[in-house]
Amino acid sequence: MSLRPAGLILVLLAVPVLLAGCADTPDVEPMVLVEPPMVVEAPRPVVPEAKMEVAAIPPPPAPARFAGHVASYKTLAEAEAAWPRLAERVPQLRTADRRYVEIDLGGQRGKVVRLLVGGFADRAAALHYCRSLRSANLYCAPHDLPAS
């Protein structure tokens, strides 16, 4: 009979106690210690670590450097009053960003307020947008945005 170390220690500790108890009561049969059956655990399946998917973060959009110039007015009030009429006439403008930029044309022409729509990283994108507005019979020309 082979014993594991823990079982052997229990047997060695129990023998003197059992022998002492048997000496006082001769009619009691000696007790035999039996080691409990060894429990074998089934192997656990190896589960690979879950891989965390990292979504690619898109680069930030290029800063807007161009817009479409759709109209010019003498004052900011005139430009703001004209916007709803333009947006009604050309539905594509309803969701467009708009800016009012004061420009000094010099001489007798003086200062005007230009209505700029959209925001594009390059002149080619602004030109493409302007072509779509021209197909709706609206004047549009690419225009540099002033530095903010």
C-alpha atoms as a PDB file:
ATOM      1  CA  MET A   1       0.000   0.000   0.000  1.00  0.00           C
ATOM      2  CA  SER A   2       1.460   3.349  -0.967  1.00  0.00           C
ATOM      3  CA  LEU A   3       0.545   6.448   0.951  1.00  0.00           C
ATOM      4  CA  ARG A   4       0.774  10.035  -0.017  1.00  0.00           C
ATOM      5  CA  PRO A   5       2.756  12.170   2.438  1.00  0.00           C
ATOM      6  CA  ALA A   6      -0.382  13.729   3.959  1.00  0.00           C
ATOM      7  CA  GLY A   7      -1.975  10.314   4.459  1.00  0.00           C
ATOM      8  CA  LEU A   8       1.191   8.919   6.026  1.00  0.00           C
ATOM      9  CA  ILE A   9       1.268  11.737   8.569  1.00  0.00           C
ATOM     10  CA  LEU A  10      -2.344  11.023   9.560  1.00  0.00           C
ATOM     11  CA  VAL A  11      -1.591   7.325  10.040  1.00  0.00           C
ATOM     12  CA  LEU A  12       1.500   8.049  12.116  1.00  0.00           C
ATOM     13  CA  LEU A  13      -0.411  10.479  14.323  1.00  0.00           C
ATOM     14  CA  ALA A  14      -3.373   8.137  14.775  1.00  0.00           C
ATOM     15  CA  VAL A  15      -1.418   4.960  15.668  1.00  0.00           C
ATOM     16  CA  PRO A  16      -0.405   5.971  19.226  1.00  0.00           C
ATOM     17  CA  VAL A  17      -3.935   7.120  19.996  1.00  0.00           C
ATOM     18  CA  LEU A  18      -5.412   3.895  18.691  1.00  0.00           C
ATOM     19  CA  LEU A  19      -2.908   1.739  20.519  1.00  0.00           C
ATOM     20  CA  ALA A  20      -3.578   3.544  23.765  1.00  0.00           C
ATOM     21  CA  GLY A  21      -7.313   3.081  23.329  1.00  0.00           C
ATOM     22  CA  CYS A  22      -6.931  -0.620  22.555  1.00  0.00           C
ATOM     23  CA  ALA A  23      -4.911  -1.307  25.683  1.00  0.00           C
ATOM     24  CA  ASP A  24      -7.802  -0.251  27.917  1.00  0.00           C
ATOM     25  CA  THR A  25     -10.474  -2.206  26.039  1.00  0.00           C
ATOM     26  CA  PRO A  26      -9.176  -5.622  24.940  1.00  0.00           C
ATOM     27  CA  ASP A  27     -12.504  -6.701  23.398  1.00  0.00           C
ATOM     28  CA  VAL A  28     -12.472  -3.877  20.804  1.00  0.00           C
ATOM     29  CA  GLU A  29     -10.971  -4.735  17.491  1.00  0.00           C
ATOM     30  CA  PRO A  30      -8.186  -2.471  16.335  1.00  0.00           C
ATOM     31  CA  MET A  31      -9.220   0.141  13.821  1.00  0.00           C
ATOM     32  CA  VAL A  32      -7.646   0.073  10.392  1.00  0.00           C
ATOM     33  CA  LEU A  33      -7.167   3.398   8.649  1.00  0.00           C
ATOM     34  CA  VAL A  34      -7.894   3.357   4.970  1.00  0.00           C
ATOM     35  CA  GLU A  35      -6.707   6.162   2.794  1.00  0.00           C
ATOM     36  CA  PRO A  36      -9.557   7.859   0.910  1.00  0.00           C
ATOM     37  CA  PRO A  37      -9.523   7.276  -2.826  1.00  0.00           C
ATOM     38  CA  MET A  38      -7.495   9.746  -4.788  1.00  0.00           C
ATOM     39  CA  VAL A  39      -9.644  12.230  -6.666  1.00  0.00           C
ATOM     40  CA  VAL A  40      -8.435  12.913 -10.166  1.00  0.00           C
ATOM     41  CA  GLU A  41      -9.804  16.010 -11.841  1.00  0.00           C
ATOM     42  CA  ALA A  42     -10.543  15.883 -15.535  1.00  0.00           C
ATOM     43  CA  PRO A  43      -8.210  18.109 -17.486  1.00  0.00           C
ATOM     44  CA  ARG A  44      -9.678  21.518 -18.179  1.00  0.00           C
ATOM     45  CA  PRO A  45      -9.829  22.520 -21.812  1.00  0.00           C
ATOM     46  CA  VAL A  46      -7.364  25.199 -22.720  1.00  0.00           C
ATOM     47  CA  VAL A  47      -9.293  28.232 -23.854  1.00  0.00           C
ATOM     48  CA  PRO A  48      -7.261  30.711 -25.848  1.00  0.00           C
ATOM     49  CA  GLU A  49      -7.361  34.249 -24.531  1.00  0.00           C
ATOM     50  CA  ALA A  50      -9.969  36.350 -26.210  1.00  0.00           C
ATOM     51  CA  LYS A  51      -8.355  38.645 -28.685  1.00  0.00           C
ATOM     52  CA  MET A  52      -9.446  42.215 -28.354  1.00  0.00           C
ATOM     53  CA  GLU A  53     -10.217  43.708 -31.688  1.00  0.00           C
ATOM     54  CA  VAL A  54      -8.923  47.225 -31.930  1.00  0.00           C
ATOM     55  CA  ALA A  55     -10.853  49.364 -34.332  1.00  0.00           C
ATOM     56  CA  ALA A  56      -8.747  51.503 -36.553  1.00  0.00           C
ATOM     57  CA  ILE A  57      -9.176  55.126 -35.631  1.00  0.00           C
ATOM     58  CA  PRO A  58      -9.594  57.169 -38.759  1.00  0.00           C
ATOM     59  CA  PRO A  59      -7.316  60.142 -39.104  1.00  0.00           C
ATOM     60  CA  PRO A  60      -8.885  63.475 -38.269  1.00  0.00           C
ATOM     61  CA  PRO A  61     -10.374  65.265 -41.242  1.00  0.00           C
ATOM     62  CA  ALA A  62      -8.148  67.732 -42.986  1.00  0.00           C
ATOM     63  CA  PRO A  63      -8.865  71.304 -41.949  1.00  0.00           C
ATOM     64  CA  ALA A  64     -11.204  73.217 -44.232  1.00  0.00           C
ATOM     65  CA  ARG A  65      -9.226  75.640 -46.360  1.00  0.00           C
ATOM     66  CA  PHE A  66     -11.737  76.282 -49.158  1.00  0.00           C
ATOM     67  CA  ALA A  67     -15.465  76.894 -49.552  1.00  0.00           C
ATOM     68  CA  GLY A  68     -17.888  77.775 -52.298  1.00  0.00           C
ATOM     69  CA  HIS A  69     -18.612  81.489 -52.772  1.00  0.00           C
ATOM     70  CA  VAL A  70     -22.312  81.670 -53.713  1.00  0.00           C
ATOM     71  CA  ALA A  71     -23.201  85.362 -53.304  1.00  0.00           C
ATOM     72  CA  SER A  72     -21.998  88.815 -52.214  1.00  0.00           C
ATOM     73  CA  TYR A  73     -23.924  91.485 -50.297  1.00  0.00           C
ATOM     74  CA  LYS A  74     -23.319  95.030 -49.137  1.00  0.00           C
ATOM     75  CA  THR A  75     -23.931  94.226 -45.456  1.00  0.00           C
ATOM     76  CA  LEU A  76     -23.993  91.280 -43.099  1.00  0.00           C
ATOM     77  CA  ALA A  77     -27.711  91.892 -42.437  1.00  0.00           C
ATOM     78  CA  GLU A  78     -28.472  91.555 -46.177  1.00  0.00           C
ATOM     79  CA  ALA A  79     -26.429  88.334 -46.391  1.00  0.00           C
ATOM     80  CA  GLU A  80     -28.172  86.787 -43.382  1.00  0.00           C
ATOM     81  CA  ALA A  81     -31.609  87.787 -44.719  1.00  0.00           C
ATOM     82  CA  ALA A  82     -30.842  86.204 -48.110  1.00  0.00           C
ATOM     83  CA  TRP A  83     -29.802  82.822 -46.693  1.00  0.00           C
ATOM     84  CA  PRO A  84     -33.311  81.348 -46.118  1.00  0.00           C
ATOM     85  CA  ARG A  85     -34.324  82.229 -49.692  1.00  0.00           C
ATOM     86  CA  LEU A  86     -31.206  80.563 -51.107  1.00  0.00           C
ATOM     87  CA  ALA A  87     -31.703  77.451 -48.972  1.00  0.00           C
ATOM     88  CA  GLU A  88     -35.325  77.254 -50.144  1.00  0.00           C
ATOM     89  CA  ARG A  89     -34.305  77.582 -53.782  1.00  0.00           C
ATOM     90  CA  VAL A  90     -31.446  75.044 -53.549  1.00  0.00           C
ATOM     91  CA  PRO A  91     -32.252  72.293 -50.995  1.00  0.00           C
ATOM     92  CA  GLN A  92     -28.632  71.087 -51.093  1.00  0.00           C
ATOM     93  CA  LEU A  93     -27.669  74.238 -49.150  1.00  0.00           C
ATOM     94  CA  ARG A  94     -29.936  73.452 -46.172  1.00  0.00           C
ATOM     95  CA  THR A  95     -27.345  71.207 -44.531  1.00  0.00           C
ATOM     96  CA  ALA A  96     -24.267  73.128 -45.699  1.00  0.00           C
ATOM     97  CA  ASP A  97     -22.032  75.033 -43.333  1.00  0.00           C
ATOM     98  CA  ARG A  98     -22.116  78.747 -44.086  1.00  0.00           C
ATOM     99  CA  ARG A  99     -19.787  81.611 -43.332  1.00  0.00           C
ATOM    100  CA  TYR A 100     -20.029  85.321 -43.884  1.00  0.00           C
ATOM    101  CA  VAL A 101     -16.690  86.897 -44.778  1.00  0.00           C
ATOM    102  CA  GLU A 102     -16.144  90.626 -45.189  1.00  0.00           C
ATOM    103  CA  ILE A 103     -13.825  91.432 -48.110  1.00  0.00           C
ATOM    104  CA  ASP A 104     -12.451  94.838 -49.099  1.00  0.00           C
ATOM    105  CA  LEU A 105     -12.448  95.010 -52.898  1.00  0.00           C
ATOM    106  CA  GLY A 106     -10.770  98.396 -52.809  1.00  0.00           C
ATOM    107  CA  GLY A 107     -11.509 101.569 -54.737  1.00  0.00           C
ATOM    108  CA  GLN A 108     -15.134 102.420 -55.535  1.00  0.00           C
ATOM    109  CA  ARG A 109     -16.291  98.847 -54.925  1.00  0.00           C
ATOM    110  CA  GLY A 110     -15.419  99.004 -51.224  1.00  0.00           C
ATOM    111  CA  LYS A 111     -16.291  96.299 -48.725  1.00  0.00           C
ATOM    112  CA  VAL A 112     -18.684  93.425 -49.391  1.00  0.00           C
ATOM    113  CA  VAL A 113     -19.857  90.425 -47.394  1.00  0.00           C
ATOM    114  CA  ARG A 114     -19.384  87.132 -49.195  1.00  0.00           C
ATOM    115  CA  LEU A 115     -21.569  84.153 -48.409  1.00  0.00           C
ATOM    116  CA  LEU A 116     -19.392  81.023 -48.392  1.00  0.00           C
ATOM    117  CA  VAL A 117     -20.801  77.491 -48.079  1.00  0.00           C
ATOM    118  CA  GLY A 118     -19.181  74.173 -47.277  1.00  0.00           C
ATOM    119  CA  GLY A 119     -15.690  73.481 -46.054  1.00  0.00           C
ATOM    120  CA  PHE A 120     -13.131  71.582 -48.113  1.00  0.00           C
ATOM    121  CA  ALA A 121      -9.508  70.581 -47.644  1.00  0.00           C
ATOM    122  CA  ASP A 122      -8.515  71.416 -51.217  1.00  0.00           C
ATOM    123  CA  ARG A 123      -9.582  73.542 -54.139  1.00  0.00           C
ATOM    124  CA  ALA A 124     -10.527  70.495 -56.260  1.00  0.00           C
ATOM    125  CA  ALA A 125     -13.145  69.379 -53.706  1.00  0.00           C
ATOM    126  CA  ALA A 126     -14.561  72.917 -53.530  1.00  0.00           C
ATOM    127  CA  LEU A 127     -14.716  73.065 -57.334  1.00  0.00           C
ATOM    128  CA  HIS A 128     -16.562  69.731 -57.473  1.00  0.00           C
ATOM    129  CA  TYR A 129     -19.089  71.025 -54.915  1.00  0.00           C
ATOM    130  CA  CYS A 130     -19.528  74.267 -56.856  1.00  0.00           C
ATOM    131  CA  ARG A 131     -20.246  72.329 -60.051  1.00  0.00           C
ATOM    132  CA  SER A 132     -23.086  70.529 -58.269  1.00  0.00           C
ATOM    133  CA  LEU A 133     -24.519  73.903 -57.179  1.00  0.00           C
ATOM    134  CA  ARG A 134     -24.169  75.322 -60.690  1.00  0.00           C
ATOM    135  CA  SER A 135     -26.262  72.424 -61.994  1.00  0.00           C
ATOM    136  CA  ALA A 136     -29.004  73.852 -59.723  1.00  0.00           C
ATOM    137  CA  ASN A 137     -28.520  77.265 -61.424  1.00  0.00           C
ATOM    138  CA  LEU A 138     -26.704  78.856 -58.486  1.00  0.00           C
ATOM    139  CA  TYR A 139     -23.505  80.848 -58.899  1.00  0.00           C
ATOM    140  CA  CYS A 140     -20.588  79.209 -57.065  1.00  0.00           C
ATOM    141  CA  ALA A 141     -16.822  79.631 -57.254  1.00  0.00           C
ATOM    142  CA  PRO A 142     -14.106  78.085 -55.047  1.00  0.00           C
ATOM    143  CA  HIS A 143     -12.836  80.563 -52.459  1.00  0.00           C
ATOM    144  CA  ASP A 144      -9.975  80.455 -49.950  1.00  0.00           C
ATOM    145  CA  LEU A 145     -11.152  80.503 -46.350  1.00  0.00           C
ATOM    146  CA  PRO A 146      -9.556  83.149 -44.150  1.00  0.00           C
ATOM    147  CA  ALA A 147      -7.234  81.814 -41.451  1.00  0.00           C
ATOM    148  CA  SER A 148      -9.042  81.453 -38.155  1.00  0.00           C
END
